[in-house]
Amino acid sequence: MPTRPGAAKWSKGISAQMDDLGDGEKTRKEERIRDYLRLYWGVEEERLDRLYHPSMIEAYPQAKPDANGILRLGSPRTAAVRNPMAMRALFRLRALINELLREGKIDRGTRINIEFSRKLNDANMRKAIERYQRERYNPPFQNYNDFSGYFKVFP
């Protein structure tokens, strides 16, 4: 079995070894993984070319003008995104951008920065939040009799 370069550092841990590769913050994680696989496991470059991150795929269609000549974004549906809440957010984002394009507030040269929350609640949590908000919204006094019991009524 051939010895891998840096085999003595094996006890150091994969995470620490990957931190040693590249120049820290400036190197993307995907590049460090490629370097790690090439240096420590001897994976050939042609096999490493098959590695990709879903964000590296240009799967979204370009904006095309509609019958009125206004740019419109196509469907954001892609197999790379499997989270239904993230897909819902992409569809809502598309609707908003299409509206801004229609109103002429943005054009092809406009740059938009979008930030999404990292944490997406599951269906049970969303249901619990909805139930809690509905209970808090209902007024505590359903009718006058409930309300009048809390105050002294003067003749």
Protein backbone atom coordinates (compact mmCIF):
# COMPACT_ATOMS: atom_id res chain seq x y z
CA MET A 1 0.00 0.00 0.00
CA PRO A 2 1.53 3.34 -1.02
CA THR A 3 2.08 5.86 1.72
CA ARG A 4 0.15 9.05 1.37
CA PRO A 5 1.96 12.35 1.82
CA GLY A 6 1.42 13.59 5.34
CA ALA A 7 0.34 10.19 6.69
CA ALA A 8 2.05 11.08 9.99
CA LYS A 9 -0.51 13.87 10.43
CA TRP A 10 -3.39 11.37 10.18
CA SER A 11 -4.07 11.56 13.92
CA LYS A 12 -4.51 15.31 13.56
CA GLY A 13 -7.96 14.85 12.03
CA ILE A 14 -9.51 15.52 8.66
CA SER A 15 -10.84 18.94 9.64
CA ALA A 16 -7.43 20.17 10.77
CA GLN A 17 -5.79 18.74 7.66
CA MET A 18 -8.26 20.57 5.44
CA ASP A 19 -7.61 23.80 7.36
CA ASP A 20 -3.92 23.44 6.45
CA LEU A 21 -4.80 23.32 2.76
CA GLY A 22 -5.29 26.51 0.80
CA ASP A 23 -5.07 29.94 2.33
CA GLY A 24 -7.88 29.78 4.86
CA GLU A 25 -10.79 32.12 4.32
CA LYS A 26 -9.82 32.90 0.72
CA THR A 27 -10.09 29.27 -0.42
CA ARG A 28 -13.55 27.81 -0.93
CA LYS A 29 -14.40 24.63 0.93
CA GLU A 30 -14.91 22.74 -2.34
CA GLU A 31 -11.35 23.57 -3.41
CA ARG A 32 -9.95 22.37 -0.08
CA ILE A 33 -11.89 19.10 -0.38
CA ARG A 34 -10.43 18.58 -3.87
CA ASP A 35 -6.92 19.29 -2.55
CA TYR A 36 -7.45 16.94 0.40
CA LEU A 37 -8.65 14.10 -1.82
CA ARG A 38 -5.77 14.61 -4.26
CA LEU A 39 -2.99 14.90 -1.63
CA TYR A 40 -4.10 12.48 1.06
CA TRP A 41 -6.02 9.88 -0.96
CA GLY A 42 -4.32 10.08 -4.35
CA VAL A 43 -7.53 10.65 -6.33
CA GLU A 44 -6.81 11.44 -9.98
CA GLU A 45 -7.65 14.86 -11.37
CA GLU A 46 -10.08 13.45 -13.95
CA ARG A 47 -12.16 11.91 -11.15
CA LEU A 48 -12.00 15.13 -9.14
CA ASP A 49 -13.48 17.00 -12.11
CA ARG A 50 -16.72 15.13 -11.48
CA LEU A 51 -17.11 16.72 -8.04
CA TYR A 52 -19.45 19.65 -7.93
CA HIS A 53 -21.66 21.62 -5.58
CA PRO A 54 -25.31 22.12 -6.61
CA SER A 55 -24.78 25.88 -6.54
CA MET A 56 -22.17 25.48 -9.29
CA ILE A 57 -24.84 24.30 -11.74
CA GLU A 58 -26.34 27.00 -13.93
CA ALA A 59 -29.82 25.50 -13.96
CA TYR A 60 -31.95 28.61 -13.96
CA PRO A 61 -33.09 29.93 -17.33
CA GLN A 62 -32.15 33.45 -18.33
CA ALA A 63 -34.80 36.18 -18.14
CA LYS A 64 -36.65 36.43 -21.46
CA PRO A 65 -38.92 39.17 -22.75
CA ASP A 66 -42.64 38.38 -22.89
CA ALA A 67 -45.11 39.48 -25.60
CA ASN A 68 -44.93 43.10 -24.37
CA GLY A 69 -41.13 43.10 -24.41
CA ILE A 70 -40.83 43.06 -20.61
CA LEU A 71 -38.23 40.73 -19.11
CA ARG A 72 -39.67 37.85 -17.08
CA LEU A 73 -37.91 35.21 -15.00
CA GLY A 74 -38.70 31.58 -15.75
CA SER A 75 -39.41 28.82 -13.27
CA PRO A 76 -36.77 28.37 -10.54
CA ARG A 77 -37.59 24.66 -10.19
CA THR A 78 -34.43 22.54 -10.16
CA ALA A 79 -33.49 19.10 -8.88
CA ALA A 80 -30.63 20.62 -6.85
CA VAL A 81 -33.07 22.19 -4.36
CA ARG A 82 -35.12 19.56 -2.57
CA ASN A 83 -36.39 21.54 0.39
CA PRO A 84 -40.04 22.53 -0.23
CA MET A 85 -39.77 25.66 1.93
CA ALA A 86 -36.68 26.83 0.06
CA MET A 87 -38.49 26.15 -3.24
CA ARG A 88 -41.48 28.19 -2.02
CA ALA A 89 -39.13 31.06 -1.17
CA LEU A 90 -37.58 30.89 -4.67
CA PHE A 91 -41.01 31.01 -6.32
CA ARG A 92 -42.06 34.00 -4.20
CA LEU A 93 -38.78 35.70 -5.03
CA ARG A 94 -39.42 35.10 -8.72
CA ALA A 95 -42.88 36.67 -8.43
CA LEU A 96 -41.45 39.73 -6.68
CA ILE A 97 -38.66 40.18 -9.23
CA ASN A 98 -41.08 39.76 -12.14
CA GLU A 99 -43.29 42.44 -10.60
CA LEU A 100 -40.32 44.80 -10.21
CA LEU A 101 -39.33 44.12 -13.83
CA ARG A 102 -42.88 44.80 -15.02
CA GLU A 103 -43.01 48.11 -13.12
CA GLY A 104 -39.62 49.11 -14.56
CA LYS A 105 -38.00 49.54 -11.14
CA ILE A 106 -35.17 47.15 -12.05
CA ASP A 107 -33.56 46.01 -15.29
CA ARG A 108 -30.97 43.48 -16.45
CA GLY A 109 -28.11 45.54 -14.98
CA THR A 110 -29.61 45.82 -11.49
CA ARG A 111 -27.82 43.93 -8.76
CA ILE A 112 -29.97 42.48 -5.96
CA ASN A 113 -28.57 40.98 -2.75
CA ILE A 114 -30.84 38.40 -1.17
CA GLU A 115 -30.46 36.90 2.27
CA PHE A 116 -32.37 33.83 3.39
CA SER A 117 -32.62 32.52 6.92
CA ARG A 118 -30.52 29.43 7.58
CA LYS A 119 -33.15 27.83 9.77
CA LEU A 120 -36.32 26.55 8.17
CA ASN A 121 -39.02 25.32 10.53
CA ASP A 122 -40.53 21.94 9.81
CA ALA A 123 -44.28 21.49 9.24
CA ASN A 124 -44.97 20.71 12.91
CA MET A 125 -43.23 23.86 14.10
CA ARG A 126 -45.02 26.04 11.53
CA LYS A 127 -48.36 24.55 12.61
CA ALA A 128 -47.55 25.20 16.29
CA ILE A 129 -46.55 28.81 15.57
CA GLU A 130 -49.75 29.35 13.59
CA ARG A 131 -51.88 27.87 16.39
CA TYR A 132 -50.11 30.01 19.01
CA GLN A 133 -50.62 33.18 16.97
CA ARG A 134 -54.28 32.35 16.38
CA GLU A 135 -54.85 31.81 20.12
CA ARG A 136 -53.11 35.09 20.95
CA TYR A 137 -55.15 36.96 18.33
CA ASN A 138 -58.55 35.88 19.69
CA PRO A 139 -59.85 38.56 22.04
CA PRO A 140 -60.00 37.45 25.67
CA PHE A 141 -63.55 38.79 26.11
CA GLN A 142 -65.95 37.14 23.71
CA ASN A 143 -69.00 39.14 24.74
CA TYR A 144 -70.15 41.95 27.02
CA ASN A 145 -71.01 39.66 29.94
CA ASP A 146 -67.44 38.37 30.15
CA PHE A 147 -66.13 41.91 29.95
CA SER A 148 -68.51 43.45 32.54
CA GLY A 149 -67.49 40.95 35.19
CA TYR A 150 -64.05 42.54 35.43
CA PHE A 151 -65.26 46.06 36.20
CA LYS A 152 -67.53 47.54 38.82
CA VAL A 153 -70.63 48.89 37.14
CA PHE A 154 -71.96 52.15 38.60
CA PRO A 155 -75.74 52.84 38.66
